[in-house]
Structures are given as C-alpha cells and as structure tokens.
PDB file of all heavy atoms in Angstrom:
ATOM      1  N   GLY A   1       5.945   6.276  -0.194  1.00  0.00           N
ATOM      2  CA  GLY A   1       7.187   7.016  -0.337  1.00  0.00           C
ATOM      3  C   GLY A   1       7.041   8.526  -0.366  1.00  0.00           C
ATOM      4  O   GLY A   1       7.889   9.222  -0.923  1.00  0.00           O
ATOM      5  N   GLY A   2       5.953   9.053   0.216  1.00  0.00           N
ATOM      6  CA  GLY A   2       5.795  10.507   0.264  1.00  0.00           C
ATOM      7  C   GLY A   2       5.671  11.104  -1.125  1.00  0.00           C
ATOM      8  O   GLY A   2       4.715  10.846  -1.862  1.00  0.00           O
ATOM      9  N   THR A   3       6.668  11.885  -1.521  1.00  0.00           N
ATOM     10  CA  THR A   3       6.628  12.537  -2.832  1.00  0.00           C
ATOM     11  C   THR A   3       6.740  11.540  -3.986  1.00  0.00           C
ATOM     12  O   THR A   3       6.371  11.873  -5.119  1.00  0.00           O
ATOM     13  CB  THR A   3       7.753  13.574  -2.942  1.00  0.00           C
ATOM     14  OG1 THR A   3       9.013  12.945  -2.628  1.00  0.00           O
ATOM     15  CG2 THR A   3       7.521  14.726  -1.980  1.00  0.00           C
ATOM     16  N   PHE A   4       7.216  10.329  -3.724  1.00  0.00           N
ATOM     17  CA  PHE A   4       7.277   9.310  -4.778  1.00  0.00           C
ATOM     18  C   PHE A   4       5.887   9.027  -5.342  1.00  0.00           C
ATOM     19  O   PHE A   4       5.712   8.873  -6.554  1.00  0.00           O
ATOM     20  CB  PHE A   4       7.893   8.024  -4.228  1.00  0.00           C
ATOM     21  CG  PHE A   4       7.882   6.870  -5.203  1.00  0.00           C
ATOM     22  CD1 PHE A   4       8.825   6.796  -6.218  1.00  0.00           C
ATOM     23  CD2 PHE A   4       6.923   5.872  -5.113  1.00  0.00           C
ATOM     24  CE1 PHE A   4       8.815   5.733  -7.130  1.00  0.00           C
ATOM     25  CE2 PHE A   4       6.904   4.815  -6.018  1.00  0.00           C
ATOM     26  CZ  PHE A   4       7.857   4.747  -7.027  1.00  0.00           C
ATOM     27  N   SER A   5       4.887   8.969  -4.461  1.00  0.00           N
ATOM     28  CA  SER A   5       3.524   8.671  -4.907  1.00  0.00           C
ATOM     29  C   SER A   5       2.949   9.797  -5.763  1.00  0.00           C
ATOM     30  O   SER A   5       2.027   9.577  -6.548  1.00  0.00           O
ATOM     31  CB  SER A   5       2.615   8.416  -3.700  1.00  0.00           C
ATOM     32  OG  SER A   5       2.500   9.571  -2.889  1.00  0.00           O
ATOM     33  N   VAL A   6       3.493  11.001  -5.604  1.00  0.00           N
ATOM     34  CA  VAL A   6       3.068  12.139  -6.420  1.00  0.00           C
ATOM     35  C   VAL A   6       3.797  12.132  -7.760  1.00  0.00           C
ATOM     36  O   VAL A   6       3.195  12.354  -8.825  1.00  0.00           O
ATOM     37  CB  VAL A   6       3.330  13.465  -5.679  1.00  0.00           C
ATOM     38  CG1 VAL A   6       2.964  14.654  -6.560  1.00  0.00           C
ATOM     39  CG2 VAL A   6       2.550  13.502  -4.372  1.00  0.00           C
ATOM     40  N   ASN A   7       5.090  11.861  -7.728  1.00  0.00           N
ATOM     41  CA  ASN A   7       5.904  11.910  -8.946  1.00  0.00           C
ATOM     42  C   ASN A   7       5.747  10.673  -9.825  1.00  0.00           C
ATOM     43  O   ASN A   7       5.930  10.748 -11.041  1.00  0.00           O
ATOM     44  CB  ASN A   7       7.382  12.081  -8.573  1.00  0.00           C
ATOM     45  CG  ASN A   7       7.652  13.393  -7.876  1.00  0.00           C
ATOM     46  OD1 ASN A   7       7.021  14.402  -8.174  1.00  0.00           O
ATOM     47  ND2 ASN A   7       8.588  13.386  -6.922  1.00  0.00           N
ATOM     48  N   GLU A   8       5.433   9.533  -9.198  1.00  0.00           N
ATOM     49  CA  GLU A   8       5.279   8.278  -9.935  1.00  0.00           C
ATOM     50  C   GLU A   8       3.958   7.604  -9.534  1.00  0.00           C
ATOM     51  O   GLU A   8       3.942   6.520  -8.952  1.00  0.00           O
ATOM     52  CB  GLU A   8       6.454   7.339  -9.631  1.00  0.00           C
ATOM     53  CG  GLU A   8       7.816   7.867 -10.018  1.00  0.00           C
ATOM     54  CD  GLU A   8       8.050   7.841 -11.528  1.00  0.00           C
ATOM     55  OE1 GLU A   8       7.230   7.232 -12.245  1.00  0.00           O
ATOM     56  OE2 GLU A   8       9.053   8.422 -11.979  1.00  0.00           O
ATOM     57  N   PRO A   9       2.828   8.223  -9.825  1.00  0.00           N
ATOM     58  CA  PRO A   9       1.548   7.703  -9.323  1.00  0.00           C
ATOM     59  C   PRO A   9       1.180   6.322  -9.857  1.00  0.00           C
ATOM     60  O   PRO A   9       0.602   5.511  -9.124  1.00  0.00           O
ATOM     61  CB  PRO A   9       0.531   8.762  -9.785  1.00  0.00           C
ATOM     62  CG  PRO A   9       1.188   9.460 -10.932  1.00  0.00           C
ATOM     63  CD  PRO A   9       2.645   9.464 -10.612  1.00  0.00           C
ATOM     64  N   GLU A  10       1.496   6.036 -11.117  1.00  0.00           N
ATOM     65  CA  GLU A  10       1.132   4.732 -11.673  1.00  0.00           C
ATOM     66  C   GLU A  10       1.891   3.606 -10.981  1.00  0.00           C
ATOM     67  O   GLU A  10       1.311   2.584 -10.599  1.00  0.00           O
ATOM     68  CB  GLU A  10       1.400   4.697 -13.187  1.00  0.00           C
ATOM     69  CG  GLU A  10       0.535   5.645 -13.991  1.00  0.00           C
ATOM     70  CD  GLU A  10       1.079   7.062 -14.048  1.00  0.00           C
ATOM     71  OE1 GLU A  10       2.177   7.300 -13.476  1.00  0.00           O
ATOM     72  OE2 GLU A  10       0.423   7.927 -14.654  1.00  0.00           O
ATOM     73  N   LEU A  11       3.193   3.798 -10.830  1.00  0.00           N
ATOM     74  CA  LEU A  11       4.011   2.784 -10.161  1.00  0.00           C
ATOM     75  C   LEU A  11       3.624   2.661  -8.691  1.00  0.00           C
ATOM     76  O   LEU A  11       3.518   1.553  -8.153  1.00  0.00           O
ATOM     77  CB  LEU A  11       5.495   3.138 -10.296  1.00  0.00           C
ATOM     78  CG  LEU A  11       6.496   2.171  -9.675  1.00  0.00           C
ATOM     79  CD1 LEU A  11       6.310   0.763 -10.196  1.00  0.00           C
ATOM     80  CD2 LEU A  11       7.923   2.660  -9.925  1.00  0.00           C
ATOM     81  N   SER A  12       3.419   3.781  -8.037  1.00  0.00           N
ATOM     82  CA  SER A  12       3.009   3.783  -6.634  1.00  0.00           C
ATOM     83  C   SER A  12       1.707   3.020  -6.444  1.00  0.00           C
ATOM     84  O   SER A  12       1.576   2.215  -5.509  1.00  0.00           O
ATOM     85  CB  SER A  12       2.845   5.223  -6.151  1.00  0.00           C
ATOM     86  OG  SER A  12       2.316   5.272  -4.848  1.00  0.00           O
ATOM     87  N   THR A  13       0.747   3.244  -7.328  1.00  0.00           N
ATOM     88  CA  THR A  13      -0.543   2.563  -7.236  1.00  0.00           C
ATOM     89  C   THR A  13      -0.383   1.065  -7.429  1.00  0.00           C
ATOM     90  O   THR A  13      -0.983   0.265  -6.701  1.00  0.00           O
ATOM     91  CB  THR A  13      -1.506   3.127  -8.291  1.00  0.00           C
ATOM     92  OG1 THR A  13      -1.750   4.502  -8.014  1.00  0.00           O
ATOM     93  CG2 THR A  13      -2.835   2.380  -8.274  1.00  0.00           C
ATOM     94  N   LYS A  14       0.424   0.665  -8.418  1.00  0.00           N
ATOM     95  CA  LYS A  14       0.651  -0.768  -8.657  1.00  0.00           C
ATOM     96  C   LYS A  14       1.275  -1.436  -7.446  1.00  0.00           C
ATOM     97  O   LYS A  14       0.880  -2.543  -7.053  1.00  0.00           O
ATOM     98  CB  LYS A  14       1.558  -0.947  -9.877  1.00  0.00           C
ATOM     99  CG  LYS A  14       1.871  -2.399 -10.220  1.00  0.00           C
ATOM    100  CD  LYS A  14       0.626  -3.192 -10.568  1.00  0.00           C
ATOM    101  CE  LYS A  14       0.966  -4.552 -11.150  1.00  0.00           C
ATOM    102  NZ  LYS A  14       1.627  -5.451 -10.179  1.00  0.00           N
ATOM    103  N   MET A  15       2.227  -0.786  -6.832  1.00  0.00           N
ATOM    104  CA  MET A  15       2.874  -1.362  -5.647  1.00  0.00           C
ATOM    105  C   MET A  15       1.877  -1.497  -4.501  1.00  0.00           C
ATOM    106  O   MET A  15       1.873  -2.494  -3.768  1.00  0.00           O
ATOM    107  CB  MET A  15       4.071  -0.504  -5.244  1.00  0.00           C
ATOM    108  CG  MET A  15       5.197  -0.519  -6.265  1.00  0.00           C
ATOM    109  SD  MET A  15       6.506   0.688  -5.913  1.00  0.00           S
ATOM    110  CE  MET A  15       7.275  -0.073  -4.471  1.00  0.00           C
ATOM    111  N   GLY A  16       1.039  -0.475  -4.311  1.00  0.00           N
ATOM    112  CA  GLY A  16       0.031  -0.549  -3.264  1.00  0.00           C
ATOM    113  C   GLY A  16      -0.954  -1.676  -3.489  1.00  0.00           C
ATOM    114  O   GLY A  16      -1.331  -2.393  -2.558  1.00  0.00           O
ATOM    115  N   ARG A  17      -1.385  -1.853  -4.736  1.00  0.00           N
ATOM    116  CA  ARG A  17      -2.304  -2.943  -5.056  1.00  0.00           C
ATOM    117  C   ARG A  17      -1.681  -4.305  -4.790  1.00  0.00           C
ATOM    118  O   ARG A  17      -2.364  -5.236  -4.346  1.00  0.00           O
ATOM    119  CB  ARG A  17      -2.744  -2.829  -6.515  1.00  0.00           C
ATOM    120  CG  ARG A  17      -3.767  -1.729  -6.759  1.00  0.00           C
ATOM    121  CD  ARG A  17      -4.060  -1.581  -8.230  1.00  0.00           C
ATOM    122  NE  ARG A  17      -5.123  -0.613  -8.477  1.00  0.00           N
ATOM    123  CZ  ARG A  17      -5.268   0.067  -9.596  1.00  0.00           C
ATOM    124  NH1 ARG A  17      -4.392  -0.105 -10.583  1.00  0.00           N
ATOM    125  NH2 ARG A  17      -6.278   0.916  -9.738  1.00  0.00           N
ATOM    126  N   ASP A  18      -0.388  -4.433  -5.063  1.00  0.00           N
ATOM    127  CA  ASP A  18       0.299  -5.697  -4.787  1.00  0.00           C
ATOM    128  C   ASP A  18       0.277  -6.034  -3.306  1.00  0.00           C
ATOM    129  O   ASP A  18       0.050  -7.187  -2.911  1.00  0.00           O
ATOM    130  CB  ASP A  18       1.743  -5.636  -5.282  1.00  0.00           C
ATOM    131  CG  ASP A  18       1.866  -5.751  -6.790  1.00  0.00           C
ATOM    132  OD1 ASP A  18       0.855  -6.081  -7.443  1.00  0.00           O
ATOM    133  OD2 ASP A  18       2.970  -5.508  -7.315  1.00  0.00           O
ATOM    134  N   ARG A  19       0.504  -5.002  -2.466  1.00  0.00           N
ATOM    135  CA  ARG A  19       0.502  -5.266  -1.033  1.00  0.00           C
ATOM    136  C   ARG A  19      -0.901  -5.645  -0.549  1.00  0.00           C
ATOM    137  O   ARG A  19      -1.072  -6.551   0.263  1.00  0.00           O
ATOM    138  CB  ARG A  19       0.985  -4.021  -0.250  1.00  0.00           C
ATOM    139  CG  ARG A  19       2.403  -3.627  -0.480  1.00  0.00           C
ATOM    140  CD  ARG A  19       3.417  -4.776  -0.321  1.00  0.00           C
ATOM    141  NE  ARG A  19       3.173  -5.606   0.821  1.00  0.00           N
ATOM    142  CZ  ARG A  19       3.073  -6.943   0.740  1.00  0.00           C
ATOM    143  NH1 ARG A  19       3.166  -7.582  -0.408  1.00  0.00           N
ATOM    144  NH2 ARG A  19       2.875  -7.648   1.831  1.00  0.00           N
ATOM    145  N   ILE A  20      -1.903  -4.954  -1.037  1.00  0.00           N
ATOM    146  CA  ILE A  20      -3.286  -5.252  -0.646  1.00  0.00           C
ATOM    147  C   ILE A  20      -3.662  -6.669  -1.072  1.00  0.00           C
ATOM    148  O   ILE A  20      -4.303  -7.405  -0.320  1.00  0.00           O
ATOM    149  CB  ILE A  20      -4.240  -4.209  -1.260  1.00  0.00           C
ATOM    150  CG1 ILE A  20      -4.014  -2.847  -0.605  1.00  0.00           C
ATOM    151  CG2 ILE A  20      -5.697  -4.638  -1.104  1.00  0.00           C
ATOM    152  CD1 ILE A  20      -4.677  -1.701  -1.334  1.00  0.00           C
ATOM    153  N   ALA A  21      -3.244  -7.067  -2.280  1.00  0.00           N
ATOM    154  CA  ALA A  21      -3.563  -8.402  -2.783  1.00  0.00           C
ATOM    155  C   ALA A  21      -2.971  -9.493  -1.894  1.00  0.00           C
ATOM    156  O   ALA A  21      -3.598 -10.540  -1.673  1.00  0.00           O
ATOM    157  CB  ALA A  21      -3.048  -8.547  -4.213  1.00  0.00           C
ATOM    158  N   ASP A  22      -1.781  -9.253  -1.370  1.00  0.00           N
ATOM    159  CA  ASP A  22      -1.145 -10.223  -0.466  1.00  0.00           C
ATOM    160  C   ASP A  22      -1.991 -10.409   0.791  1.00  0.00           C
ATOM    161  O   ASP A  22      -2.214 -11.532   1.259  1.00  0.00           O
ATOM    162  CB  ASP A  22       0.261  -9.745  -0.115  1.00  0.00           C
ATOM    163  CG  ASP A  22       1.135 -10.834   0.488  1.00  0.00           C
ATOM    164  OD1 ASP A  22       0.637 -11.959   0.711  1.00  0.00           O
ATOM    165  OD2 ASP A  22       2.322 -10.554   0.750  1.00  0.00           O
ATOM    166  N   HIS A  23      -2.483  -9.314   1.342  1.00  0.00           N
ATOM    167  CA  HIS A  23      -3.331  -9.395   2.537  1.00  0.00           C
ATOM    168  C   HIS A  23      -4.657 -10.075   2.228  1.00  0.00           C
ATOM    169  O   HIS A  23      -5.134 -10.916   3.010  1.00  0.00           O
ATOM    170  CB  HIS A  23      -3.571  -7.993   3.099  1.00  0.00           C
ATOM    171  CG  HIS A  23      -2.393  -7.414   3.790  1.00  0.00           C
ATOM    172  ND1 HIS A  23      -2.136  -7.612   5.135  1.00  0.00           N
ATOM    173  CD2 HIS A  23      -1.376  -6.637   3.329  1.00  0.00           C
ATOM    174  CE1 HIS A  23      -1.027  -6.993   5.473  1.00  0.00           C
ATOM    175  NE2 HIS A  23      -0.545  -6.386   4.395  1.00  0.00           N
ATOM    176  N   LEU A  24      -5.251  -9.756   1.097  1.00  0.00           N
ATOM    177  CA  LEU A  24      -6.529 -10.373   0.735  1.00  0.00           C
ATOM    178  C   LEU A  24      -6.374 -11.869   0.505  1.00  0.00           C
ATOM    179  O   LEU A  24      -7.244 -12.669   0.884  1.00  0.00           O
ATOM    180  CB  LEU A  24      -7.090  -9.708  -0.514  1.00  0.00           C
ATOM    181  CG  LEU A  24      -7.630  -8.288  -0.345  1.00  0.00           C
ATOM    182  CD1 LEU A  24      -7.966  -7.688  -1.713  1.00  0.00           C
ATOM    183  CD2 LEU A  24      -8.853  -8.276   0.557  1.00  0.00           C
ATOM    184  N   ALA A  25      -5.259 -12.266  -0.104  1.00  0.00           N
ATOM    185  CA  ALA A  25      -5.028 -13.682  -0.394  1.00  0.00           C
ATOM    186  C   ALA A  25      -4.900 -14.511   0.872  1.00  0.00           C
ATOM    187  O   ALA A  25      -5.134 -15.734   0.850  1.00  0.00           O
ATOM    188  CB  ALA A  25      -3.773 -13.838  -1.250  1.00  0.00           C
ATOM    189  N   HIS A  26      -4.554 -13.861   1.981  1.00  0.00           N
ATOM    190  CA  HIS A  26      -4.382 -14.574   3.247  1.00  0.00           C
ATOM    191  C   HIS A  26      -5.462 -14.192   4.266  1.00  0.00           C
ATOM    192  O   HIS A  26      -5.291 -14.395   5.466  1.00  0.00           O
ATOM    193  CB  HIS A  26      -2.982 -14.318   3.802  1.00  0.00           C
ATOM    194  CG  HIS A  26      -1.900 -14.896   2.935  1.00  0.00           C
ATOM    195  ND1 HIS A  26      -1.362 -14.207   1.867  1.00  0.00           N
ATOM    196  CD2 HIS A  26      -1.278 -16.102   2.957  1.00  0.00           C
ATOM    197  CE1 HIS A  26      -0.446 -14.963   1.284  1.00  0.00           C
ATOM    198  NE2 HIS A  26      -0.377 -16.109   1.919  1.00  0.00           N
ATOM    199  N   ASP A  27      -6.542 -13.638   3.772  1.00  0.00           N
ATOM    200  CA  ASP A  27      -7.746 -13.386   4.575  1.00  0.00           C
ATOM    201  C   ASP A  27      -7.512 -12.430   5.744  1.00  0.00           C
ATOM    202  O   ASP A  27      -8.093 -12.596   6.823  1.00  0.00           O
ATOM    203  CB  ASP A  27      -8.340 -14.704   5.086  1.00  0.00           C
ATOM    204  CG  ASP A  27      -8.776 -15.623   3.960  1.00  0.00           C
ATOM    205  OD1 ASP A  27      -9.309 -15.104   2.967  1.00  0.00           O
ATOM    206  OD2 ASP A  27      -8.566 -16.850   4.070  1.00  0.00           O
ATOM    207  N   SER A  28      -6.691 -11.433   5.540  1.00  0.00           N
ATOM    208  CA  SER A  28      -6.549 -10.398   6.566  1.00  0.00           C
ATOM    209  C   SER A  28      -7.851  -9.603   6.674  1.00  0.00           C
ATOM    210  O   SER A  28      -8.512  -9.341   5.670  1.00  0.00           O
ATOM    211  CB  SER A  28      -5.420  -9.429   6.214  1.00  0.00           C
ATOM    212  OG  SER A  28      -4.176 -10.072   6.153  1.00  0.00           O
ATOM    213  N   GLU A  29      -8.189  -9.230   7.896  1.00  0.00           N
ATOM    214  CA  GLU A  29      -9.290  -8.288   8.105  1.00  0.00           C
ATOM    215  C   GLU A  29      -8.748  -6.863   8.269  1.00  0.00           C
ATOM    216  O   GLU A  29      -9.391  -5.892   7.870  1.00  0.00           O
ATOM    217  CB  GLU A  29     -10.076  -8.649   9.364  1.00  0.00           C
ATOM    218  CG  GLU A  29     -10.774  -9.988   9.332  1.00  0.00           C
ATOM    219  CD  GLU A  29     -11.425 -10.285  10.667  1.00  0.00           C
ATOM    220  OE1 GLU A  29     -12.387  -9.575  11.032  1.00  0.00           O
ATOM    221  OE2 GLU A  29     -10.949 -11.208  11.369  1.00  0.00           O
ATOM    222  N   ILE A  30      -7.578  -6.776   8.889  1.00  0.00           N
ATOM    223  CA  ILE A  30      -6.956  -5.494   9.214  1.00  0.00           C
ATOM    224  C   ILE A  30      -5.519  -5.496   8.716  1.00  0.00           C
ATOM    225  O   ILE A  30      -4.798  -6.477   8.884  1.00  0.00           O
ATOM    226  CB  ILE A  30      -6.932  -5.250  10.741  1.00  0.00           C
ATOM    227  CG1 ILE A  30      -8.297  -5.502  11.376  1.00  0.00           C
ATOM    228  CG2 ILE A  30      -6.401  -3.865  11.069  1.00  0.00           C
ATOM    229  CD1 ILE A  30      -9.349  -4.494  11.057  1.00  0.00           C
ATOM    230  N   ILE A  31      -5.099  -4.389   8.100  1.00  0.00           N
ATOM    231  CA  ILE A  31      -3.679  -4.161   7.844  1.00  0.00           C
ATOM    232  C   ILE A  31      -3.194  -3.167   8.887  1.00  0.00           C
ATOM    233  O   ILE A  31      -3.773  -2.091   9.053  1.00  0.00           O
ATOM    234  CB  ILE A  31      -3.429  -3.574   6.442  1.00  0.00           C
ATOM    235  CG1 ILE A  31      -4.015  -4.470   5.359  1.00  0.00           C
ATOM    236  CG2 ILE A  31      -1.922  -3.392   6.211  1.00  0.00           C
ATOM    237  CD1 ILE A  31      -3.858  -3.891   3.954  1.00  0.00           C
ATOM    238  N   THR A  32      -2.144  -3.530   9.597  1.00  0.00           N
ATOM    239  CA  THR A  32      -1.599  -2.628  10.609  1.00  0.00           C
ATOM    240  C   THR A  32      -0.154  -2.303  10.301  1.00  0.00           C
ATOM    241  O   THR A  32       0.552  -3.058   9.612  1.00  0.00           O
ATOM    242  CB  THR A  32      -1.721  -3.224  12.022  1.00  0.00           C
ATOM    243  OG1 THR A  32      -1.476  -2.199  12.996  1.00  0.00           O
ATOM    244  CG2 THR A  32      -0.718  -4.355  12.256  1.00  0.00           C
ATOM    245  N   SER A  33       0.291  -1.170  10.820  1.00  0.00           N
ATOM    246  CA  SER A  33       1.657  -0.712  10.608  1.00  0.00           C
ATOM    247  C   SER A  33       1.999   0.327  11.659  1.00  0.00           C
ATOM    248  O   SER A  33       1.108   0.858  12.330  1.00  0.00           O
ATOM    249  CB  SER A  33       1.799  -0.100   9.206  1.00  0.00           C
ATOM    250  OG  SER A  33       3.097   0.436   9.002  1.00  0.00           O
ATOM    251  N   GLY A  34       3.275   0.633  11.781  1.00  0.00           N
ATOM    252  CA  GLY A  34       3.703   1.720  12.642  1.00  0.00           C
ATOM    253  C   GLY A  34       3.744   3.046  11.921  1.00  0.00           C
ATOM    254  O   GLY A  34       4.072   4.061  12.526  1.00  0.00           O
ATOM    255  N   ASP A  35       3.413   3.044  10.631  1.00  0.00           N
ATOM    256  CA  ASP A  35       3.417   4.269   9.836  1.00  0.00           C
ATOM    257  C   ASP A  35       2.063   4.474   9.175  1.00  0.00           C
ATOM    258  O   ASP A  35       1.695   3.739   8.257  1.00  0.00           O
ATOM    259  CB  ASP A  35       4.517   4.220   8.772  1.00  0.00           C
ATOM    260  CG  ASP A  35       5.844   4.737   9.283  1.00  0.00           C
ATOM    261  OD1 ASP A  35       5.989   5.963   9.376  1.00  0.00           O
ATOM    262  OD2 ASP A  35       6.726   3.916   9.599  1.00  0.00           O
ATOM    263  N   MET A  36       1.329   5.490   9.643  1.00  0.00           N
ATOM    264  CA  MET A  36       0.023   5.785   9.053  1.00  0.00           C
ATOM    265  C   MET A  36       0.151   6.274   7.614  1.00  0.00           C
ATOM    266  O   MET A  36      -0.809   6.193   6.848  1.00  0.00           O
ATOM    267  CB  MET A  36      -0.712   6.846   9.873  1.00  0.00           C
ATOM    268  CG  MET A  36      -1.452   6.347  11.093  1.00  0.00           C
ATOM    269  SD  MET A  36      -2.598   4.954  10.901  1.00  0.00           S
ATOM    270  CE  MET A  36      -3.599   5.400   9.517  1.00  0.00           C
ATOM    271  N   SER A  37       1.297   6.767   7.217  1.00  0.00           N
ATOM    272  CA  SER A  37       1.470   7.230   5.834  1.00  0.00           C
ATOM    273  C   SER A  37       1.311   6.059   4.863  1.00  0.00           C
ATOM    274  O   SER A  37       0.628   6.184   3.838  1.00  0.00           O
ATOM    275  CB  SER A  37       2.827   7.898   5.666  1.00  0.00           C
ATOM    276  OG  SER A  37       3.876   7.059   6.123  1.00  0.00           O
ATOM    277  N   CYS A  38       1.925   4.928   5.175  1.00  0.00           N
ATOM    278  CA  CYS A  38       1.760   3.729   4.348  1.00  0.00           C
ATOM    279  C   CYS A  38       0.301   3.276   4.357  1.00  0.00           C
ATOM    280  O   CYS A  38      -0.264   2.927   3.312  1.00  0.00           O
ATOM    281  CB  CYS A  38       2.643   2.603   4.870  1.00  0.00           C
ATOM    282  SG  CYS A  38       4.414   2.940   4.834  1.00  0.00           S
ATOM    283  N   LEU A  39      -0.293   3.259   5.537  1.00  0.00           N
ATOM    284  CA  LEU A  39      -1.677   2.827   5.654  1.00  0.00           C
ATOM    285  C   LEU A  39      -2.623   3.777   4.924  1.00  0.00           C
ATOM    286  O   LEU A  39      -3.624   3.356   4.341  1.00  0.00           O
ATOM    287  CB  LEU A  39      -2.064   2.715   7.130  1.00  0.00           C
ATOM    288  CG  LEU A  39      -1.315   1.650   7.933  1.00  0.00           C
ATOM    289  CD1 LEU A  39      -1.743   1.687   9.400  1.00  0.00           C
ATOM    290  CD2 LEU A  39      -1.549   0.262   7.361  1.00  0.00           C
ATOM    291  N   MET A  40      -2.331   5.072   4.958  1.00  0.00           N
ATOM    292  CA  MET A  40      -3.144   6.058   4.245  1.00  0.00           C
ATOM    293  C   MET A  40      -3.135   5.774   2.744  1.00  0.00           C
ATOM    294  O   MET A  40      -4.184   5.843   2.080  1.00  0.00           O
ATOM    295  CB  MET A  40      -2.614   7.463   4.527  1.00  0.00           C
ATOM    296  CG  MET A  40      -3.350   8.569   3.803  1.00  0.00           C
ATOM    297  SD  MET A  40      -2.805  10.232   4.315  1.00  0.00           S
ATOM    298  CE  MET A  40      -1.068  10.187   3.791  1.00  0.00           C
TER     299      MET A  40
END
C-alpha cells in the first residue's frame, strides 16, 4: 500500500507474511504479479 507500509509497518508486515504463507502452503516456487511494488 505504498505509504501504508511506512505508517503501519507492523500490520503491513503481518499481511505480507500471510500472503507468503499461502504460497508456501501450496508449494509455489515463484510469486508473480503485475505490480512490482507488491512483490518488492
């Protein structure tokens, strides 16, 4: 969320970890997106 990750770092980090966990649980090798900001 751009500035959201700066203003709310704890919540932003938790949300990111949730998304990563979903990919790991389903054996993804690569996460892809049309937005490098999310991937970053």
